PDB file of N, CA and C in Angstrom:
ATOM      1  N   MET A   1    -166.633  59.942-149.310  1.00  0.00           N
ATOM      2  CA  MET A   1    -168.001  60.155-149.735  1.00  0.00           C
ATOM      3  C   MET A   1    -168.288  59.304-150.966  1.00  0.00           C
ATOM      4  N   ALA A   2    -169.483  58.794-151.056  1.00  0.00           N
ATOM      5  CA  ALA A   2    -169.861  57.924-152.172  1.00  0.00           C
ATOM      6  C   ALA A   2    -170.000  58.720-153.456  1.00  0.00           C
ATOM      7  N   ARG A   3    -169.694  58.043-154.545  1.00  0.00           N
ATOM      8  CA  ARG A   3    -169.859  58.668-155.853  1.00  0.00           C
ATOM      9  C   ARG A   3    -171.305  58.534-156.303  1.00  0.00           C
ATOM     10  N   PRO A   4    -171.800  59.499-157.053  1.00  0.00           N
ATOM     11  CA  PRO A   4    -173.176  59.373-157.544  1.00  0.00           C
ATOM     12  C   PRO A   4    -173.302  58.227-158.545  1.00  0.00           C
ATOM     13  N   ILE A   5    -174.458  57.604-158.572  1.00  0.00           N
ATOM     14  CA  ILE A   5    -174.717  56.497-159.485  1.00  0.00           C
ATOM     15  C   ILE A   5    -175.081  57.069-160.847  1.00  0.00           C
ATOM     16  N   LYS A   6    -174.434  56.543-161.889  1.00  0.00           N
ATOM     17  CA  LYS A   6    -174.721  57.013-163.245  1.00  0.00           C
ATOM     18  C   LYS A   6    -176.085  56.515-163.685  1.00  0.00           C
ATOM     19  N   GLU A   7    -176.684  57.257-164.609  1.00  0.00           N
ATOM     20  CA  GLU A   7    -177.975  56.853-165.143  1.00  0.00           C
ATOM     21  C   GLU A   7    -177.833  55.557-165.925  1.00  0.00           C
ATOM     22  N   THR A   8    -178.877  54.742-165.901  1.00  0.00           N
ATOM     23  CA  THR A   8    -178.904  53.507-166.673  1.00  0.00           C
ATOM     24  C   THR A   8    -179.175  53.863-168.130  1.00  0.00           C
ATOM     25  N   PRO A   9    -178.346  53.364-169.041  1.00  0.00           N
ATOM     26  CA  PRO A   9    -178.577  53.693-170.447  1.00  0.00           C
ATOM     27  C   PRO A   9    -179.882  53.069-170.953  1.00  0.00           C
ATOM     28  N   ILE A  10    -180.512  53.756-171.875  1.00  0.00           N
ATOM     29  CA  ILE A  10    -181.762  53.276-172.467  1.00  0.00           C
ATOM     30  C   ILE A  10    -181.448  52.734-173.853  1.00  0.00           C
ATOM     31  N   LEU A  11    -181.961  51.560-174.148  1.00  0.00           N
ATOM     32  CA  LEU A  11    -181.729  50.951-175.452  1.00  0.00           C
ATOM     33  C   LEU A  11    -182.835  51.339-176.423  1.00  0.00           C
ATOM     34  N   PHE A  12    -182.441  51.577-177.661  1.00  0.00           N
ATOM     35  CA  PHE A  12    -183.386  51.928-178.712  1.00  0.00           C
ATOM     36  C   PHE A  12    -183.135  51.060-179.931  1.00  0.00           C
ATOM     37  N   GLY A  13    -184.126  50.961-180.786  1.00  0.00           N
ATOM     38  CA  GLY A  13    -183.970  50.333-182.089  1.00  0.00           C
ATOM     39  C   GLY A  13    -183.582  48.867-182.028  1.00  0.00           C
ATOM     40  N   GLU A  14    -182.618  48.510-182.891  1.00  0.00           N
ATOM     41  CA  GLU A  14    -182.195  47.113-183.021  1.00  0.00           C
ATOM     42  C   GLU A  14    -181.597  46.583-181.714  1.00  0.00           C
ATOM     43  N   ASP A  15    -180.868  47.408-180.982  1.00  0.00           N
ATOM     44  CA  ASP A  15    -180.297  46.980-179.701  1.00  0.00           C
ATOM     45  C   ASP A  15    -181.405  46.575-178.730  1.00  0.00           C
ATOM     46  N   ALA A  16    -182.471  47.349-178.695  1.00  0.00           N
ATOM     47  CA  ALA A  16    -183.589  47.047-177.795  1.00  0.00           C
ATOM     48  C   ALA A  16    -184.275  45.746-178.200  1.00  0.00           C
ATOM     49  N   ARG A  17    -184.463  45.549-179.501  1.00  0.00           N
ATOM     50  CA  ARG A  17    -185.107  44.316-179.966  1.00  0.00           C
ATOM     51  C   ARG A  17    -184.252  43.093-179.640  1.00  0.00           C
ATOM     52  N   ARG A  18    -182.937  43.174-179.854  1.00  0.00           N
ATOM     53  CA  ARG A  18    -182.045  42.049-179.532  1.00  0.00           C
ATOM     54  C   ARG A  18    -182.060  41.752-178.038  1.00  0.00           C
ATOM     55  N   PHE A  19    -182.030  42.795-177.223  1.00  0.00           N
ATOM     56  CA  PHE A  19    -182.053  42.610-175.777  1.00  0.00           C
ATOM     57  C   PHE A  19    -183.339  41.924-175.339  1.00  0.00           C
ATOM     58  N   GLU A  20    -184.463  42.389-175.858  1.00  0.00           N
ATOM     59  CA  GLU A  20    -185.745  41.805-175.485  1.00  0.00           C
ATOM     60  C   GLU A  20    -185.835  40.340-175.903  1.00  0.00           C
ATOM     61  N   GLU A  21    -185.376  40.012-177.091  1.00  0.00           N
ATOM     62  CA  GLU A  21    -185.382  38.615-177.547  1.00  0.00           C
ATOM     63  C   GLU A  21    -184.495  37.743-176.660  1.00  0.00           C
ATOM     64  N   ARG A  22    -183.346  38.266-176.303  1.00  0.00           N
ATOM     65  CA  ARG A  22    -182.428  37.493-175.451  1.00  0.00           C
ATOM     66  C   ARG A  22    -183.030  37.254-174.066  1.00  0.00           C
ATOM     67  N   MET A  23    -183.757  38.223-173.539  1.00  0.00           N
ATOM     68  CA  MET A  23    -184.379  38.067-172.222  1.00  0.00           C
ATOM     69  C   MET A  23    -185.511  37.041-172.257  1.00  0.00           C
ATOM     70  N   LYS A  24    -186.128  36.846-173.413  1.00  0.00           N
ATOM     71  CA  LYS A  24    -187.218  35.875-173.535  1.00  0.00           C
ATOM     72  C   LYS A  24    -186.704  34.436-173.564  1.00  0.00           C
ATOM     73  N   GLN A  25    -185.443  34.252-173.944  1.00  0.00           N
ATOM     74  CA  GLN A  25    -184.873  32.909-174.030  1.00  0.00           C
ATOM     75  C   GLN A  25    -184.561  32.390-172.627  1.00  0.00           C
ATOM     76  N   VAL A  26    -185.033  31.187-172.342  1.00  0.00           N
ATOM     77  CA  VAL A  26    -184.794  30.571-171.042  1.00  0.00           C
ATOM     78  C   VAL A  26    -183.471  29.810-171.113  1.00  0.00           C
ATOM     79  N   ARG A  27    -182.607  30.112-170.172  1.00  0.00           N
ATOM     80  CA  ARG A  27    -181.325  29.399-170.127  1.00  0.00           C
ATOM     81  C   ARG A  27    -181.492  28.133-169.308  1.00  0.00           C
ATOM     82  N   ARG A  28    -181.030  27.044-169.837  1.00  0.00           N
ATOM     83  CA  ARG A  28    -181.065  25.768-169.122  1.00  0.00           C
ATOM     84  C   ARG A  28    -179.678  25.492-168.561  1.00  0.00           C
ATOM     85  N   GLU A  29    -179.635  24.877-167.390  1.00  0.00           N
ATOM     86  CA  GLU A  29    -178.348  24.484-166.838  1.00  0.00           C
ATOM     87  C   GLU A  29    -178.395  23.005-166.484  1.00  0.00           C
ATOM     88  N   SER A  30    -177.274  22.364-166.691  1.00  0.00           N
ATOM     89  CA  SER A  30    -177.197  20.931-166.384  1.00  0.00           C
ATOM     90  C   SER A  30    -177.146  20.752-164.868  1.00  0.00           C
ATOM     91  N   PRO A  31    -177.423  19.550-164.405  1.00  0.00           N
ATOM     92  CA  PRO A  31    -177.326  19.307-162.957  1.00  0.00           C
ATOM     93  C   PRO A  31    -175.920  19.603-162.416  1.00  0.00           C
ATOM     94  N   GLU A  32    -174.893  19.336-163.231  1.00  0.00           N
ATOM     95  CA  GLU A  32    -173.521  19.612-162.792  1.00  0.00           C
ATOM     96  C   GLU A  32    -173.290  21.117-162.644  1.00  0.00           C
ATOM     97  N   GLU A  33    -173.816  21.893-163.594  1.00  0.00           N
ATOM     98  CA  GLU A  33    -173.667  23.353-163.512  1.00  0.00           C
ATOM     99  C   GLU A  33    -174.411  23.904-162.293  1.00  0.00           C
ATOM    100  N   LYS A  34    -175.587  23.354-162.046  1.00  0.00           N
ATOM    101  CA  LYS A  34    -176.372  23.804-160.891  1.00  0.00           C
ATOM    102  C   LYS A  34    -175.635  23.480-159.594  1.00  0.00           C
ATOM    103  N   GLU A  35    -175.093  22.294-159.512  1.00  0.00           N
ATOM    104  CA  GLU A  35    -174.347  21.888-158.314  1.00  0.00           C
ATOM    105  C   GLU A  35    -173.143  22.804-158.097  1.00  0.00           C
ATOM    106  N   ARG A  36    -172.438  23.101-159.175  1.00  0.00           N
ATOM    107  CA  ARG A  36    -171.263  23.979-159.075  1.00  0.00           C
ATOM    108  C   ARG A  36    -171.672  25.385-158.646  1.00  0.00           C
ATOM    109  N   ARG A  37    -172.766  25.911-159.221  1.00  0.00           N
ATOM    110  CA  ARG A  37    -173.253  27.245-158.876  1.00  0.00           C
ATOM    111  C   ARG A  37    -173.633  27.310-157.401  1.00  0.00           C
ATOM    112  N   LEU A  38    -174.343  26.309-156.920  1.00  0.00           N
ATOM    113  CA  LEU A  38    -174.759  26.298-155.521  1.00  0.00           C
ATOM    114  C   LEU A  38    -173.563  26.149-154.578  1.00  0.00           C
ATOM    115  N   ALA A  39    -172.577  25.336-154.983  1.00  0.00           N
ATOM    116  CA  ALA A  39    -171.374  25.178-154.157  1.00  0.00           C
ATOM    117  C   ALA A  39    -170.613  26.504-154.071  1.00  0.00           C
ATOM    118  N   ASN A  40    -170.524  27.213-155.193  1.00  0.00           N
ATOM    119  CA  ASN A  40    -169.864  28.523-155.183  1.00  0.00           C
ATOM    120  C   ASN A  40    -170.614  29.516-154.310  1.00  0.00           C
ATOM    121  N   PHE A  41    -171.936  29.457-154.353  1.00  0.00           N
ATOM    122  CA  PHE A  41    -172.748  30.333-153.511  1.00  0.00           C
ATOM    123  C   PHE A  41    -172.499  30.046-152.039  1.00  0.00           C
ATOM    124  N   GLU A  42    -172.514  28.769-151.677  1.00  0.00           N
ATOM    125  CA  GLU A  42    -172.280  28.386-150.280  1.00  0.00           C
ATOM    126  C   GLU A  42    -170.894  28.835-149.816  1.00  0.00           C
ATOM    127  N   LEU A  43    -169.899  28.670-150.666  1.00  0.00           N
ATOM    128  CA  LEU A  43    -168.543  29.109-150.327  1.00  0.00           C
ATOM    129  C   LEU A  43    -168.506  30.614-150.088  1.00  0.00           C
ATOM    130  N   GLY A  44    -169.160  31.357-150.965  1.00  0.00           N
ATOM    131  CA  GLY A  44    -169.214  32.811-150.804  1.00  0.00           C
ATOM    132  C   GLY A  44    -169.898  33.219-149.514  1.00  0.00           C
ATOM    133  N   MET A  45    -170.976  32.530-149.175  1.00  0.00           N
ATOM    134  CA  MET A  45    -171.689  32.853-147.937  1.00  0.00           C
ATOM    135  C   MET A  45    -170.842  32.538-146.705  1.00  0.00           C
ATOM    136  N   LYS A  46    -170.088  31.431-146.755  1.00  0.00           N
ATOM    137  CA  LYS A  46    -169.194  31.096-145.641  1.00  0.00           C
ATOM    138  C   LYS A  46    -168.105  32.149-145.491  1.00  0.00           C
ATOM    139  N   MET A  47    -167.564  32.599-146.620  1.00  0.00           N
ATOM    140  CA  MET A  47    -166.523  33.628-146.572  1.00  0.00           C
ATOM    141  C   MET A  47    -167.076  34.917-145.973  1.00  0.00           C
ATOM    142  N   LEU A  48    -168.288  35.279-146.353  1.00  0.00           N
ATOM    143  CA  LEU A  48    -168.922  36.480-145.818  1.00  0.00           C
ATOM    144  C   LEU A  48    -169.139  36.336-144.317  1.00  0.00           C
ATOM    145  N   GLU A  49    -169.611  35.180-143.892  1.00  0.00           N
ATOM    146  CA  GLU A  49    -169.864  34.936-142.477  1.00  0.00           C
ATOM    147  C   GLU A  49    -168.567  35.018-141.664  1.00  0.00           C
ATOM    148  N   ILE A  50    -167.501  34.426-142.169  1.00  0.00           N
ATOM    149  CA  ILE A  50    -166.208  34.467-141.472  1.00  0.00           C
ATOM    150  C   ILE A  50    -165.708  35.903-141.383  1.00  0.00           C
ATOM    151  N   GLY A  51    -165.880  36.646-142.471  1.00  0.00           N
ATOM    152  CA  GLY A  51    -165.468  38.052-142.466  1.00  0.00           C
ATOM    153  C   GLY A  51    -166.242  38.870-141.452  1.00  0.00           C
ATOM    154  N   GLU A  52    -167.530  38.623-141.357  1.00  0.00           N
ATOM    155  CA  GLU A  52    -168.349  39.349-140.389  1.00  0.00           C
ATOM    156  C   GLU A  52    -167.939  39.001-138.961  1.00  0.00           C
ATOM    157  N   ARG A  53    -167.666  37.724-138.692  1.00  0.00           N
ATOM    158  CA  ARG A  53    -167.239  37.319-137.337  1.00  0.00           C
ATOM    159  C   ARG A  53    -165.903  37.959-136.991  1.00  0.00           C
ATOM    160  N   THR A  54    -164.993  37.991-137.945  1.00  0.00           N
ATOM    161  CA  THR A  54    -163.677  38.583-137.725  1.00  0.00           C
ATOM    162  C   THR A  54    -163.818  40.083-137.473  1.00  0.00           C
ATOM    163  N   LYS A  55    -164.690  40.732-138.202  1.00  0.00           N
ATOM    164  CA  LYS A  55    -164.923  42.155-138.046  1.00  0.00           C
ATOM    165  C   LYS A  55    -165.473  42.465-136.651  1.00  0.00           C
ATOM    166  N   LYS A  56    -166.392  41.632-136.161  1.00  0.00           N
ATOM    167  CA  LYS A  56    -166.985  41.857-134.850  1.00  0.00           C
ATOM    168  C   LYS A  56    -165.942  41.690-133.736  1.00  0.00           C
ATOM    169  N   ARG A  57    -165.032  40.728-133.919  1.00  0.00           N
ATOM    170  CA  ARG A  57    -163.988  40.493-132.893  1.00  0.00           C
ATOM    171  C   ARG A  57    -163.037  41.666-132.797  1.00  0.00           C
ATOM    172  N   SER A  58    -162.747  42.314-133.917  1.00  0.00           N
ATOM    173  CA  SER A  58    -161.757  43.375-133.911  1.00  0.00           C
ATOM    174  C   SER A  58    -162.335  44.684-133.390  1.00  0.00           C
ATOM    175  N   LEU A  59    -163.653  44.770-133.239  1.00  0.00           N
ATOM    176  CA  LEU A  59    -164.267  46.007-132.716  1.00  0.00           C
ATOM    177  C   LEU A  59    -164.144  46.036-131.259  1.00  0.00           C
TER     178      LEU A  59
END
Protein backbone atom coordinates (compact mmCIF):
# COMPACT_ATOMS: atom_id res chain seq x y z
CA MET A 1 0.00 0.00 0.00
CA ALA A 2 1.23 3.50 -0.80
CA ARG A 3 2.42 5.79 1.93
CA PRO A 4 0.57 9.06 2.46
CA ILE A 5 2.18 12.16 0.98
CA LYS A 6 3.53 14.57 3.58
CA GLU A 7 2.35 18.15 3.60
CA THR A 8 4.46 20.67 1.71
CA PRO A 9 6.24 22.94 4.17
CA ILE A 10 5.31 26.62 4.09
CA LEU A 11 8.08 29.19 4.11
CA PHE A 12 7.85 32.30 6.27
CA GLY A 13 9.95 35.38 6.88
CA GLU A 14 13.49 35.59 5.55
CA ASP A 15 13.34 32.07 4.06
CA ALA A 16 10.30 33.05 2.00
CA ARG A 17 11.94 36.25 0.78
CA ARG A 18 15.13 34.41 -0.26
CA PHE A 19 13.11 31.74 -2.05
CA GLU A 20 11.06 34.31 -3.94
CA GLU A 21 14.16 36.25 -5.01
CA ARG A 22 15.85 33.07 -6.20
CA MET A 23 12.78 32.10 -8.25
CA LYS A 24 12.85 35.50 -9.98
CA GLN A 25 16.42 34.96 -11.21
CA VAL A 26 16.57 33.48 -14.70
CA ARG A 27 19.15 30.75 -15.08
CA ARG A 28 21.09 30.80 -18.32
CA GLU A 29 22.64 27.70 -19.81
CA SER A 30 25.36 27.49 -22.40
CA PRO A 31 24.74 25.68 -25.67
CA GLU A 32 26.97 22.85 -24.40
CA GLU A 33 24.91 22.49 -21.21
CA LYS A 34 21.70 22.49 -23.23
CA GLU A 35 23.05 19.83 -25.57
CA ARG A 36 24.13 17.67 -22.63
CA ARG A 37 20.74 18.10 -20.89
CA LEU A 38 18.84 17.12 -24.03
CA ALA A 39 21.13 14.13 -24.66
CA ASN A 40 20.53 12.93 -21.09
CA PHE A 41 16.79 13.35 -21.58
CA GLU A 42 16.85 11.34 -24.81
CA LEU A 43 18.88 8.59 -23.11
CA GLY A 44 16.39 8.45 -20.26
CA MET A 45 13.47 8.22 -22.66
CA LYS A 46 15.15 5.38 -24.58
CA MET A 47 15.77 3.52 -21.33
CA LEU A 48 12.12 3.96 -20.35
CA GLU A 49 10.96 2.75 -23.76
CA ILE A 50 13.19 -0.35 -23.61
CA GLY A 51 11.93 -1.10 -20.11
CA GLU A 52 8.32 -0.83 -21.22
CA ARG A 53 8.93 -3.14 -24.21
CA THR A 54 10.66 -5.67 -21.96
CA LYS A 55 7.81 -5.49 -19.47
CA LYS A 56 5.22 -6.14 -22.19
CA ARG A 57 7.14 -9.20 -23.47
CA SER A 58 7.30 -10.78 -20.04
CA LEU A 59 3.51 -10.51 -19.52
